[in-house]
Amino acid sequence: MRVDSASVTLAASHQSSSRVEVSERLDAWVGRRQQAADERAPSRSVIVSDAARQALDLDKVLAAKPAGDEENKLDPKLEFLKALVEALTGERIDLVSSSDLATGPGPGGAAVAAAGGGATPDAGFGLEYDRTETRTETEALQFEAGGTIRTADGREIGFRLSLSMSRTETETSNFSLRAGNAVSKDPLVINFDGAGASLSSQRFRFDLMGDGQQVDMPTLGHGSGFLVLDALESGQVTSGRQLFGPNSGDGFADLARYDSDANGWIDEADPVFGRLGVWTPDAQGGGAVSSL
């Protein structure tokens, strides 16, 4: 075969995009936390006393640190939160990095763990900060080639090639800070589908501590529920006192007190077994309660 002439056309297109979404929530209070009715008000006003203004002089707080202080490397927003907590409590806050945790607990770590079994005293203030950052990148590439080859004997041979490639990458990072009375006290969760417990994006109001104060809580992912006591007959969970862990900070210790035969298991031999249930709340705080 002899090629007399040829014509080739090439076409390519490339598209890419990057999007970053950031969601932040900050809630701070002194004394008792406001009721849910106050939080649903259309607007809020905060009155800061002169003493608080002086205590919260961030320029003085930041300028007092030595130039070589490792805390100068903190994110400015985290630095602000640290200064805010220090101003509310009058105590110095020492932040621990992941590298510090990798080297093991420091002096006094065992004493803190041993003292954690009791009830947590009222700190007189609370602070909640949540930040979620989602970064999404998309890229698409299309390539096309086509042509015609003409031979000396008059034949024409056509060819065509197309290639399409695309990718999407999403990365989500979450950061939460709790201080004072807002420190997390997680109740026990049971998972019954083998996929591991998870939280959903829906939230509901609930009296977690059993003190009449409604707090914001996330609902659980599919196949998970809170272990509850004495809710099977009514089908309702009205207080965190029916859960295991919110008040003591140790849900397993709360549950272990019902191990009547002291065999390390909560089973049908224990009278409490028939009183236990699994609560799967919904966005309204209701949901369903099922038996074990």
C-alpha atoms as a PDB file:
ATOM      1  CA  MET A   1       0.000   0.000   0.000  1.00  0.00           C
ATOM      2  CA  ARG A   2       1.269   3.408  -1.022  1.00  0.00           C
ATOM      3  CA  VAL A   3       0.003   6.505   0.743  1.00  0.00           C
ATOM      4  CA  ASP A   4      -0.763   9.319  -1.624  1.00  0.00           C
ATOM      5  CA  SER A   5      -2.092  11.857   0.926  1.00  0.00           C
ATOM      6  CA  ALA A   6      -3.493  12.072   4.413  1.00  0.00           C
ATOM      7  CA  SER A   7      -5.463  14.534   6.502  1.00  0.00           C
ATOM      8  CA  VAL A   8      -5.672  14.467  10.296  1.00  0.00           C
ATOM      9  CA  THR A   9      -7.729  16.608  12.679  1.00  0.00           C
ATOM     10  CA  LEU A  10      -7.124  16.851  16.420  1.00  0.00           C
ATOM     11  CA  ALA A  11      -9.343  18.375  19.091  1.00  0.00           C
ATOM     12  CA  ALA A  12      -8.938  18.521  22.843  1.00  0.00           C
ATOM     13  CA  SER A  13     -10.727  20.236  25.692  1.00  0.00           C
ATOM     14  CA  HIS A  14      -9.905  20.466  29.378  1.00  0.00           C
ATOM     15  CA  GLN A  15     -12.065  21.793  32.204  1.00  0.00           C
ATOM     16  CA  SER A  16     -11.302  22.044  35.894  1.00  0.00           C
ATOM     17  CA  SER A  17     -12.916  23.676  38.883  1.00  0.00           C
ATOM     18  CA  SER A  18     -12.268  23.952  42.590  1.00  0.00           C
ATOM     19  CA  ARG A  19     -14.749  24.940  45.263  1.00  0.00           C
ATOM     20  CA  VAL A  20     -14.297  25.465  49.002  1.00  0.00           C
ATOM     21  CA  GLU A  21     -17.236  25.662  51.398  1.00  0.00           C
ATOM     22  CA  VAL A  22     -16.691  26.677  55.022  1.00  0.00           C
ATOM     23  CA  SER A  23     -19.320  26.502  57.747  1.00  0.00           C
ATOM     24  CA  GLU A  24     -18.640  27.870  61.234  1.00  0.00           C
ATOM     25  CA  ARG A  25     -20.671  28.069  64.429  1.00  0.00           C
ATOM     26  CA  LEU A  26     -19.647  29.761  67.684  1.00  0.00           C
ATOM     27  CA  ASP A  27     -21.746  29.789  70.846  1.00  0.00           C
ATOM     28  CA  ALA A  28     -20.428  31.134  74.157  1.00  0.00           C
ATOM     29  CA  TRP A  29     -22.199  31.865  77.412  1.00  0.00           C
ATOM     30  CA  VAL A  30     -21.536  32.712  81.060  1.00  0.00           C
ATOM     31  CA  GLY A  31     -23.635  31.134  83.794  1.00  0.00           C
ATOM     32  CA  ARG A  32     -26.566  29.022  82.615  1.00  0.00           C
ATOM     33  CA  ARG A  33     -27.058  28.492  78.920  1.00  0.00           C
ATOM     34  CA  GLN A  34     -30.025  30.257  77.358  1.00  0.00           C
ATOM     35  CA  GLN A  35     -33.218  28.329  76.753  1.00  0.00           C
ATOM     36  CA  ALA A  36     -34.093  27.145  73.258  1.00  0.00           C
ATOM     37  CA  ALA A  37     -36.751  29.884  72.953  1.00  0.00           C
ATOM     38  CA  ASP A  38     -34.058  32.529  73.313  1.00  0.00           C
ATOM     39  CA  GLU A  39     -31.877  30.791  70.730  1.00  0.00           C
ATOM     40  CA  ARG A  40     -34.714  30.825  68.184  1.00  0.00           C
ATOM     41  CA  ALA A  41     -35.072  34.592  68.446  1.00  0.00           C
ATOM     42  CA  PRO A  42     -34.599  36.384  65.113  1.00  0.00           C
ATOM     43  CA  SER A  43     -31.678  38.438  66.406  1.00  0.00           C
ATOM     44  CA  ARG A  44     -29.242  38.475  69.303  1.00  0.00           C
ATOM     45  CA  SER A  45     -27.518  41.226  71.219  1.00  0.00           C
ATOM     46  CA  VAL A  46     -24.490  40.872  73.439  1.00  0.00           C
ATOM     47  CA  ILE A  47     -23.550  43.411  76.122  1.00  0.00           C
ATOM     48  CA  VAL A  48     -19.917  43.338  77.204  1.00  0.00           C
ATOM     49  CA  SER A  49     -18.967  45.052  80.452  1.00  0.00           C
ATOM     50  CA  ASP A  50     -15.935  47.317  80.769  1.00  0.00           C
ATOM     51  CA  ALA A  51     -14.174  44.677  82.869  1.00  0.00           C
ATOM     52  CA  ALA A  52     -14.756  42.082  80.194  1.00  0.00           C
ATOM     53  CA  ARG A  53     -13.460  44.437  77.521  1.00  0.00           C
ATOM     54  CA  GLN A  54     -10.230  44.876  79.438  1.00  0.00           C
ATOM     55  CA  ALA A  55      -9.914  41.131  80.006  1.00  0.00           C
ATOM     56  CA  LEU A  56     -10.522  40.477  76.324  1.00  0.00           C
ATOM     57  CA  ASP A  57      -7.894  42.899  75.030  1.00  0.00           C
ATOM     58  CA  LEU A  58      -6.442  40.524  72.451  1.00  0.00           C
ATOM     59  CA  ASP A  59      -3.640  42.882  71.535  1.00  0.00           C
ATOM     60  CA  LYS A  60      -2.292  42.721  75.085  1.00  0.00           C
ATOM     61  CA  VAL A  61      -2.789  38.960  75.264  1.00  0.00           C
ATOM     62  CA  LEU A  62      -0.961  38.271  72.024  1.00  0.00           C
ATOM     63  CA  ALA A  63       1.785  40.871  72.581  1.00  0.00           C
ATOM     64  CA  ALA A  64       2.674  39.337  75.952  1.00  0.00           C
ATOM     65  CA  LYS A  65       3.837  36.097  74.315  1.00  0.00           C
ATOM     66  CA  PRO A  66       7.535  35.610  73.571  1.00  0.00           C
ATOM     67  CA  ALA A  67       8.588  35.605  69.940  1.00  0.00           C
ATOM     68  CA  GLY A  68       9.647  31.981  70.067  1.00  0.00           C
ATOM     69  CA  ASP A  69       6.383  30.734  71.634  1.00  0.00           C
ATOM     70  CA  GLU A  70       5.013  27.758  69.715  1.00  0.00           C
ATOM     71  CA  GLU A  71       1.475  29.085  70.210  1.00  0.00           C
ATOM     72  CA  ASN A  72       2.229  31.893  67.738  1.00  0.00           C
ATOM     73  CA  LYS A  73       1.934  29.211  65.081  1.00  0.00           C
ATOM     74  CA  LEU A  74      -1.742  28.615  65.931  1.00  0.00           C
ATOM     75  CA  ASP A  75      -4.505  29.430  63.514  1.00  0.00           C
ATOM     76  CA  PRO A  76      -5.693  33.013  64.234  1.00  0.00           C
ATOM     77  CA  LYS A  77      -9.254  31.820  64.872  1.00  0.00           C
ATOM     78  CA  LEU A  78      -8.073  29.166  67.310  1.00  0.00           C
ATOM     79  CA  GLU A  79      -5.870  31.795  68.974  1.00  0.00           C
ATOM     80  CA  PHE A  80      -8.934  34.006  69.390  1.00  0.00           C
ATOM     81  CA  LEU A  81     -10.964  31.171  70.944  1.00  0.00           C
ATOM     82  CA  LYS A  82      -8.109  30.374  73.322  1.00  0.00           C
ATOM     83  CA  ALA A  83      -7.920  34.009  74.410  1.00  0.00           C
ATOM     84  CA  LEU A  84     -11.708  34.115  74.840  1.00  0.00           C
ATOM     85  CA  VAL A  85     -11.722  31.074  77.139  1.00  0.00           C
ATOM     86  CA  GLU A  86      -8.819  32.505  79.150  1.00  0.00           C
ATOM     87  CA  ALA A  87     -10.723  35.773  79.550  1.00  0.00           C
ATOM     88  CA  LEU A  88     -13.892  33.983  80.688  1.00  0.00           C
ATOM     89  CA  THR A  89     -12.165  31.704  83.176  1.00  0.00           C
ATOM     90  CA  GLY A  90      -9.148  33.715  84.276  1.00  0.00           C
ATOM     91  CA  GLU A  91      -7.039  30.603  83.752  1.00  0.00           C
ATOM     92  CA  ARG A  92      -4.272  29.923  81.251  1.00  0.00           C
ATOM     93  CA  ILE A  93      -5.206  27.401  78.569  1.00  0.00           C
ATOM     94  CA  ASP A  94      -2.494  25.053  77.287  1.00  0.00           C
ATOM     95  CA  LEU A  95      -3.296  23.489  73.930  1.00  0.00           C
ATOM     96  CA  VAL A  96      -1.927  20.052  73.071  1.00  0.00           C
ATOM     97  CA  SER A  97      -0.845  19.266  69.510  1.00  0.00           C
ATOM     98  CA  SER A  98      -1.014  15.872  67.828  1.00  0.00           C
ATOM     99  CA  SER A  99       2.775  15.591  68.067  1.00  0.00           C
ATOM    100  CA  ASP A 100       2.545  15.983  71.845  1.00  0.00           C
ATOM    101  CA  LEU A 101      -0.012  13.181  71.993  1.00  0.00           C
ATOM    102  CA  ALA A 102       2.263  10.909  69.979  1.00  0.00           C
ATOM    103  CA  THR A 103       4.894  11.049  72.709  1.00  0.00           C
ATOM    104  CA  GLY A 104       2.457   9.764  75.327  1.00  0.00           C
ATOM    105  CA  PRO A 105       0.829  11.438  78.332  1.00  0.00           C
ATOM    106  CA  GLY A 106       2.838  13.946  80.266  1.00  0.00           C
ATOM    107  CA  PRO A 107       3.319  14.147  84.028  1.00  0.00           C
ATOM    108  CA  GLY A 108       0.069  14.008  85.910  1.00  0.00           C
ATOM    109  CA  GLY A 109      -1.789  12.334  83.046  1.00  0.00           C
ATOM    110  CA  ALA A 110      -2.614   9.289  85.169  1.00  0.00           C
ATOM    111  CA  ALA A 111      -3.972  11.490  87.940  1.00  0.00           C
ATOM    112  CA  VAL A 112      -6.324  13.235  85.522  1.00  0.00           C
ATOM    113  CA  ALA A 113      -7.620   9.937  84.213  1.00  0.00           C
ATOM    114  CA  ALA A 114      -8.139   8.596  87.716  1.00  0.00           C
ATOM    115  CA  ALA A 115     -10.049  11.675  88.759  1.00  0.00           C
ATOM    116  CA  GLY A 116     -12.317  11.603  85.739  1.00  0.00           C
ATOM    117  CA  GLY A 117     -14.765   9.098  87.152  1.00  0.00           C
ATOM    118  CA  GLY A 118     -16.665  11.612  89.257  1.00  0.00           C
ATOM    119  CA  ALA A 119     -19.204  14.169  88.199  1.00  0.00           C
ATOM    120  CA  THR A 120     -17.809  17.221  86.450  1.00  0.00           C
ATOM    121  CA  PRO A 121     -18.195  20.445  88.488  1.00  0.00           C
ATOM    122  CA  ASP A 122     -20.014  23.418  87.014  1.00  0.00           C
ATOM    123  CA  ALA A 123     -17.429  25.616  85.281  1.00  0.00           C
ATOM    124  CA  GLY A 124     -19.721  28.648  85.203  1.00  0.00           C
ATOM    125  CA  PHE A 125     -19.313  29.183  81.470  1.00  0.00           C
ATOM    126  CA  GLY A 126     -19.481  27.297  78.204  1.00  0.00           C
ATOM    127  CA  LEU A 127     -18.070  27.577  74.716  1.00  0.00           C
ATOM    128  CA  GLU A 128     -18.855  25.607  71.570  1.00  0.00           C
ATOM    129  CA  TYR A 129     -17.060  26.098  68.273  1.00  0.00           C
ATOM    130  CA  ASP A 130     -17.560  23.958  65.178  1.00  0.00           C
ATOM    131  CA  ARG A 131     -15.914  24.399  61.804  1.00  0.00           C
ATOM    132  CA  THR A 132     -16.455  22.296  58.702  1.00  0.00           C
ATOM    133  CA  GLU A 133     -14.483  22.836  55.510  1.00  0.00           C
ATOM    134  CA  THR A 134     -15.326  20.963  52.327  1.00  0.00           C
ATOM    135  CA  ARG A 135     -13.035  21.189  49.322  1.00  0.00           C
ATOM    136  CA  THR A 136     -14.272  19.809  46.000  1.00  0.00           C
ATOM    137  CA  GLU A 137     -12.171  19.531  42.839  1.00  0.00           C
ATOM    138  CA  THR A 138     -13.462  18.399  39.452  1.00  0.00           C
ATOM    139  CA  GLU A 139     -11.540  17.871  36.235  1.00  0.00           C
ATOM    140  CA  ALA A 140     -12.592  16.646  32.796  1.00  0.00           C
ATOM    141  CA  LEU A 141     -10.514  15.950  29.677  1.00  0.00           C
ATOM    142  CA  GLN A 142     -11.760  15.095  26.191  1.00  0.00           C
ATOM    143  CA  PHE A 143      -9.558  14.233  23.207  1.00  0.00           C
ATOM    144  CA  GLU A 144     -10.626  13.407  19.680  1.00  0.00           C
ATOM    145  CA  ALA A 145      -8.573  12.528  16.606  1.00  0.00           C
ATOM    146  CA  GLY A 146      -9.807  11.689  13.122  1.00  0.00           C
ATOM    147  CA  GLY A 147      -8.506  11.562   9.612  1.00  0.00           C
ATOM    148  CA  THR A 148      -8.460  10.068   6.166  1.00  0.00           C
ATOM    149  CA  ILE A 149      -5.637   8.273   4.360  1.00  0.00           C
ATOM    150  CA  ARG A 150      -5.706   8.126   0.562  1.00  0.00           C
ATOM    151  CA  THR A 151      -3.676   5.476  -1.208  1.00  0.00           C
ATOM    152  CA  ALA A 152      -2.145   5.578  -4.641  1.00  0.00           C
ATOM    153  CA  ASP A 153      -4.711   3.116  -6.000  1.00  0.00           C
ATOM    154  CA  GLY A 154      -7.601   5.425  -5.029  1.00  0.00           C
ATOM    155  CA  ARG A 155      -8.696   3.864  -1.768  1.00  0.00           C
ATOM    156  CA  GLU A 156      -9.603   5.955   1.283  1.00  0.00           C
ATOM    157  CA  ILE A 157      -9.144   4.727   4.818  1.00  0.00           C
ATOM    158  CA  GLY A 158     -10.847   6.697   7.578  1.00  0.00           C
ATOM    159  CA  PHE A 159     -10.090   6.477  11.289  1.00  0.00           C
ATOM    160  CA  ARG A 160     -11.421   8.107  14.428  1.00  0.00           C
ATOM    161  CA  LEU A 161     -10.290   8.005  18.067  1.00  0.00           C
ATOM    162  CA  SER A 162     -11.941   9.539  21.108  1.00  0.00           C
ATOM    163  CA  LEU A 163     -10.876   9.587  24.742  1.00  0.00           C
ATOM    164  CA  SER A 164     -12.722  10.991  27.733  1.00  0.00           C
ATOM    165  CA  MET A 165     -11.454  11.178  31.316  1.00  0.00           C
ATOM    166  CA  SER A 166     -12.903  12.820  34.405  1.00  0.00           C
ATOM    167  CA  ARG A 167     -12.319  12.893  38.142  1.00  0.00           C
ATOM    168  CA  THR A 168     -13.969  14.360  41.216  1.00  0.00           C
ATOM    169  CA  GLU A 169     -12.249  14.656  44.569  1.00  0.00           C
ATOM    170  CA  THR A 170     -13.910  15.803  47.785  1.00  0.00           C
ATOM    171  CA  GLU A 171     -12.129  16.384  51.081  1.00  0.00           C
ATOM    172  CA  THR A 172     -13.927  17.332  54.289  1.00  0.00           C
ATOM    173  CA  SER A 173     -12.267  18.415  57.522  1.00  0.00           C
ATOM    174  CA  ASN A 174     -14.031  19.037  60.827  1.00  0.00           C
ATOM    175  CA  PHE A 175     -12.840  20.850  63.922  1.00  0.00           C
ATOM    176  CA  SER A 176     -14.744  21.112  67.205  1.00  0.00           C
ATOM    177  CA  LEU A 177     -13.816  22.862  70.423  1.00  0.00           C
ATOM    178  CA  ARG A 178     -15.728  22.504  73.673  1.00  0.00           C
ATOM    179  CA  ALA A 179     -14.851  24.285  76.899  1.00  0.00           C
ATOM    180  CA  GLY A 180     -16.442  24.651  80.311  1.00  0.00           C
ATOM    181  CA  ASN A 181     -19.968  23.269  80.581  1.00  0.00           C
ATOM    182  CA  ALA A 182     -19.983  22.509  76.853  1.00  0.00           C
ATOM    183  CA  VAL A 183     -17.461  19.660  77.137  1.00  0.00           C
ATOM    184  CA  SER A 184     -18.929  16.655  75.335  1.00  0.00           C
ATOM    185  CA  LYS A 185     -20.486  13.925  77.454  1.00  0.00           C
ATOM    186  CA  ASP A 186     -21.398  11.240  74.979  1.00  0.00           C
ATOM    187  CA  PRO A 187     -24.104   8.683  75.811  1.00  0.00           C
ATOM    188  CA  LEU A 188     -23.679   5.027  74.879  1.00  0.00           C
ATOM    189  CA  VAL A 189     -24.603   4.147  71.293  1.00  0.00           C
ATOM    190  CA  ILE A 190     -25.493   0.678  70.000  1.00  0.00           C
ATOM    191  CA  ASN A 191     -24.872  -0.281  66.393  1.00  0.00           C
ATOM    192  CA  PHE A 192     -26.937  -3.112  64.934  1.00  0.00           C
ATOM    193  CA  ASP A 193     -25.958  -3.326  61.267  1.00  0.00           C
ATOM    194  CA  GLY A 194     -22.205  -3.904  61.581  1.00  0.00           C
ATOM    195  CA  ALA A 195     -21.164  -0.735  59.742  1.00  0.00           C
ATOM    196  CA  GLY A 196     -20.062   1.238  62.804  1.00  0.00           C
ATOM    197  CA  ALA A 197     -21.813   4.099  64.565  1.00  0.00           C
ATOM    198  CA  SER A 198     -22.018   7.412  62.725  1.00  0.00           C
ATOM    199  CA  LEU A 199     -23.675  10.821  63.033  1.00  0.00           C
ATOM    200  CA  SER A 200     -25.952  12.485  60.497  1.00  0.00           C
ATOM    201  CA  SER A 201     -26.262  16.146  59.553  1.00  0.00           C
ATOM    202  CA  GLN A 202     -29.728  16.470  61.135  1.00  0.00           C
ATOM    203  CA  ARG A 203     -29.889  17.910  64.648  1.00  0.00           C
ATOM    204  CA  PHE A 204     -32.552  18.028  67.343  1.00  0.00           C
ATOM    205  CA  ARG A 205     -33.126  19.658  70.718  1.00  0.00           C
ATOM    206  CA  PHE A 206     -32.839  17.422  73.779  1.00  0.00           C
ATOM    207  CA  ASP A 207     -32.449  17.710  77.561  1.00  0.00           C
ATOM    208  CA  LEU A 208     -29.160  15.784  77.573  1.00  0.00           C
ATOM    209  CA  MET A 209     -28.111  16.505  81.159  1.00  0.00           C
ATOM    210  CA  GLY A 210     -31.583  16.089  82.650  1.00  0.00           C
ATOM    211  CA  ASP A 211     -31.485  19.622  84.069  1.00  0.00           C
ATOM    212  CA  GLY A 212     -34.194  21.155  81.904  1.00  0.00           C
ATOM    213  CA  GLN A 213     -31.704  22.760  79.517  1.00  0.00           C
ATOM    214  CA  GLN A 214     -32.216  21.849  75.862  1.00  0.00           C
ATOM    215  CA  VAL A 215     -29.010  21.332  73.875  1.00  0.00           C
ATOM    216  CA  ASP A 216     -28.322  20.768  70.198  1.00  0.00           C
ATOM    217  CA  MET A 217     -27.603  17.111  69.340  1.00  0.00           C
ATOM    218  CA  PRO A 218     -26.981  15.308  66.036  1.00  0.00           C
ATOM    219  CA  THR A 219     -29.145  12.384  65.050  1.00  0.00           C
ATOM    220  CA  LEU A 220     -27.442   9.044  64.449  1.00  0.00           C
ATOM    221  CA  GLY A 221     -26.655   7.410  61.132  1.00  0.00           C
ATOM    222  CA  HIS A 222     -28.511   4.384  59.795  1.00  0.00           C
ATOM    223  CA  GLY A 223     -28.225   1.288  61.955  1.00  0.00           C
ATOM    224  CA  SER A 224     -27.346   3.071  65.217  1.00  0.00           C
ATOM    225  CA  GLY A 225     -29.302   4.048  68.317  1.00  0.00           C
ATOM    226  CA  PHE A 226     -28.855   5.301  71.870  1.00  0.00           C
ATOM    227  CA  LEU A 227     -29.069   2.738  74.654  1.00  0.00           C
ATOM    228  CA  VAL A 228     -31.955   3.877  76.891  1.00  0.00           C
ATOM    229  CA  LEU A 229     -33.592   2.793  80.129  1.00  0.00           C
ATOM    230  CA  ASP A 230     -37.323   2.562  80.903  1.00  0.00           C
ATOM    231  CA  ALA A 231     -38.621   3.854  77.557  1.00  0.00           C
ATOM    232  CA  LEU A 232     -40.218   0.747  76.031  1.00  0.00           C
ATOM    233  CA  GLU A 233     -43.716   1.235  77.448  1.00  0.00           C
ATOM    234  CA  SER A 234     -44.045   4.925  76.616  1.00  0.00           C
ATOM    235  CA  GLY A 235     -41.950   4.796  73.455  1.00  0.00           C
ATOM    236  CA  GLN A 236     -40.531   8.191  74.383  1.00  0.00           C
ATOM    237  CA  VAL A 237     -37.220   9.446  75.723  1.00  0.00           C
ATOM    238  CA  THR A 238     -37.662  12.744  77.520  1.00  0.00           C
ATOM    239  CA  SER A 239     -34.396  13.234  79.385  1.00  0.00           C
ATOM    240  CA  GLY A 240     -30.727  12.348  79.302  1.00  0.00           C
ATOM    241  CA  ARG A 241     -31.263  10.625  82.646  1.00  0.00           C
ATOM    242  CA  GLN A 242     -32.619   7.702  80.607  1.00  0.00           C
ATOM    243  CA  LEU A 243     -29.313   7.438  78.731  1.00  0.00           C
ATOM    244  CA  PHE A 244     -26.000   6.071  79.944  1.00  0.00           C
ATOM    245  CA  GLY A 245     -23.103   8.490  80.327  1.00  0.00           C
ATOM    246  CA  PRO A 246     -24.243  12.125  80.015  1.00  0.00           C
ATOM    247  CA  ASN A 247     -24.082  12.946  83.730  1.00  0.00           C
ATOM    248  CA  SER A 248     -21.152  10.775  84.789  1.00  0.00           C
ATOM    249  CA  GLY A 249     -19.040  10.952  81.636  1.00  0.00           C
ATOM    250  CA  ASP A 250     -18.662   7.145  81.741  1.00  0.00           C
ATOM    251  CA  GLY A 251     -21.599   5.310  80.189  1.00  0.00           C
ATOM    252  CA  PHE A 252     -19.993   1.900  80.594  1.00  0.00           C
ATOM    253  CA  ALA A 253     -19.625   2.431  84.344  1.00  0.00           C
ATOM    254  CA  ASP A 254     -23.278   3.477  84.538  1.00  0.00           C
ATOM    255  CA  LEU A 255     -24.336   0.317  82.724  1.00  0.00           C
ATOM    256  CA  ALA A 256     -22.026  -1.916  84.768  1.00  0.00           C
ATOM    257  CA  ARG A 257     -23.947  -1.037  87.928  1.00  0.00           C
ATOM    258  CA  TYR A 258     -26.846  -3.105  86.566  1.00  0.00           C
ATOM    259  CA  ASP A 259     -24.704  -6.242  86.137  1.00  0.00           C
ATOM    260  CA  SER A 260     -26.405  -8.049  89.016  1.00  0.00           C
ATOM    261  CA  ASP A 261     -24.514 -11.335  88.640  1.00  0.00           C
ATOM    262  CA  ALA A 262     -21.161  -9.561  88.131  1.00  0.00           C
ATOM    263  CA  ASN A 263     -20.206 -11.683  85.118  1.00  0.00           C
ATOM    264  CA  GLY A 264     -19.177  -8.725  82.960  1.00  0.00           C
ATOM    265  CA  TRP A 265     -22.249  -9.030  80.700  1.00  0.00           C
ATOM    266  CA  ILE A 266     -25.673  -7.414  80.616  1.00  0.00           C
ATOM    267  CA  ASP A 267     -27.941 -10.270  79.514  1.00  0.00           C
ATOM    268  CA  GLU A 268     -31.320 -11.810  80.275  1.00  0.00           C
ATOM    269  CA  ALA A 269     -30.005 -12.982  83.651  1.00  0.00           C
ATOM    270  CA  ASP A 270     -29.898  -9.336  84.746  1.00  0.00           C
ATOM    271  CA  PRO A 271     -33.271  -7.824  85.742  1.00  0.00           C
ATOM    272  CA  VAL A 272     -32.444  -4.612  83.890  1.00  0.00           C
ATOM    273  CA  PHE A 273     -32.280  -6.367  80.513  1.00  0.00           C
ATOM    274  CA  GLY A 274     -36.030  -6.104  79.922  1.00  0.00           C
ATOM    275  CA  ARG A 275     -35.945  -2.388  80.721  1.00  0.00           C
ATOM    276  CA  LEU A 276     -33.312  -1.564  78.107  1.00  0.00           C
ATOM    277  CA  GLY A 277     -34.133  -0.315  74.644  1.00  0.00           C
ATOM    278  CA  VAL A 278     -32.578   1.302  71.591  1.00  0.00           C
ATOM    279  CA  TRP A 279     -33.688   4.827  70.728  1.00  0.00           C
ATOM    280  CA  THR A 280     -33.338   6.133  67.168  1.00  0.00           C
ATOM    281  CA  PRO A 281     -34.303   9.831  67.389  1.00  0.00           C
ATOM    282  CA  ASP A 282     -35.527  11.920  64.486  1.00  0.00           C
ATOM    283  CA  ALA A 283     -35.091  15.611  63.708  1.00  0.00           C
ATOM    284  CA  GLN A 284     -38.033  16.487  65.991  1.00  0.00           C
ATOM    285  CA  GLY A 285     -36.548  14.611  68.956  1.00  0.00           C
ATOM    286  CA  GLY A 286     -39.126  11.830  68.826  1.00  0.00           C
ATOM    287  CA  GLY A 287     -38.181   8.769  66.846  1.00  0.00           C
ATOM    288  CA  ALA A 288     -38.734   5.163  67.864  1.00  0.00           C
ATOM    289  CA  VAL A 289     -37.705   2.930  70.754  1.00  0.00           C
ATOM    290  CA  SER A 290     -37.183  -0.784  70.118  1.00  0.00           C
ATOM    291  CA  SER A 291     -36.325  -3.624  72.475  1.00  0.00           C
ATOM    292  CA  LEU A 292     -33.007  -5.425  72.500  1.00  0.00           C
END
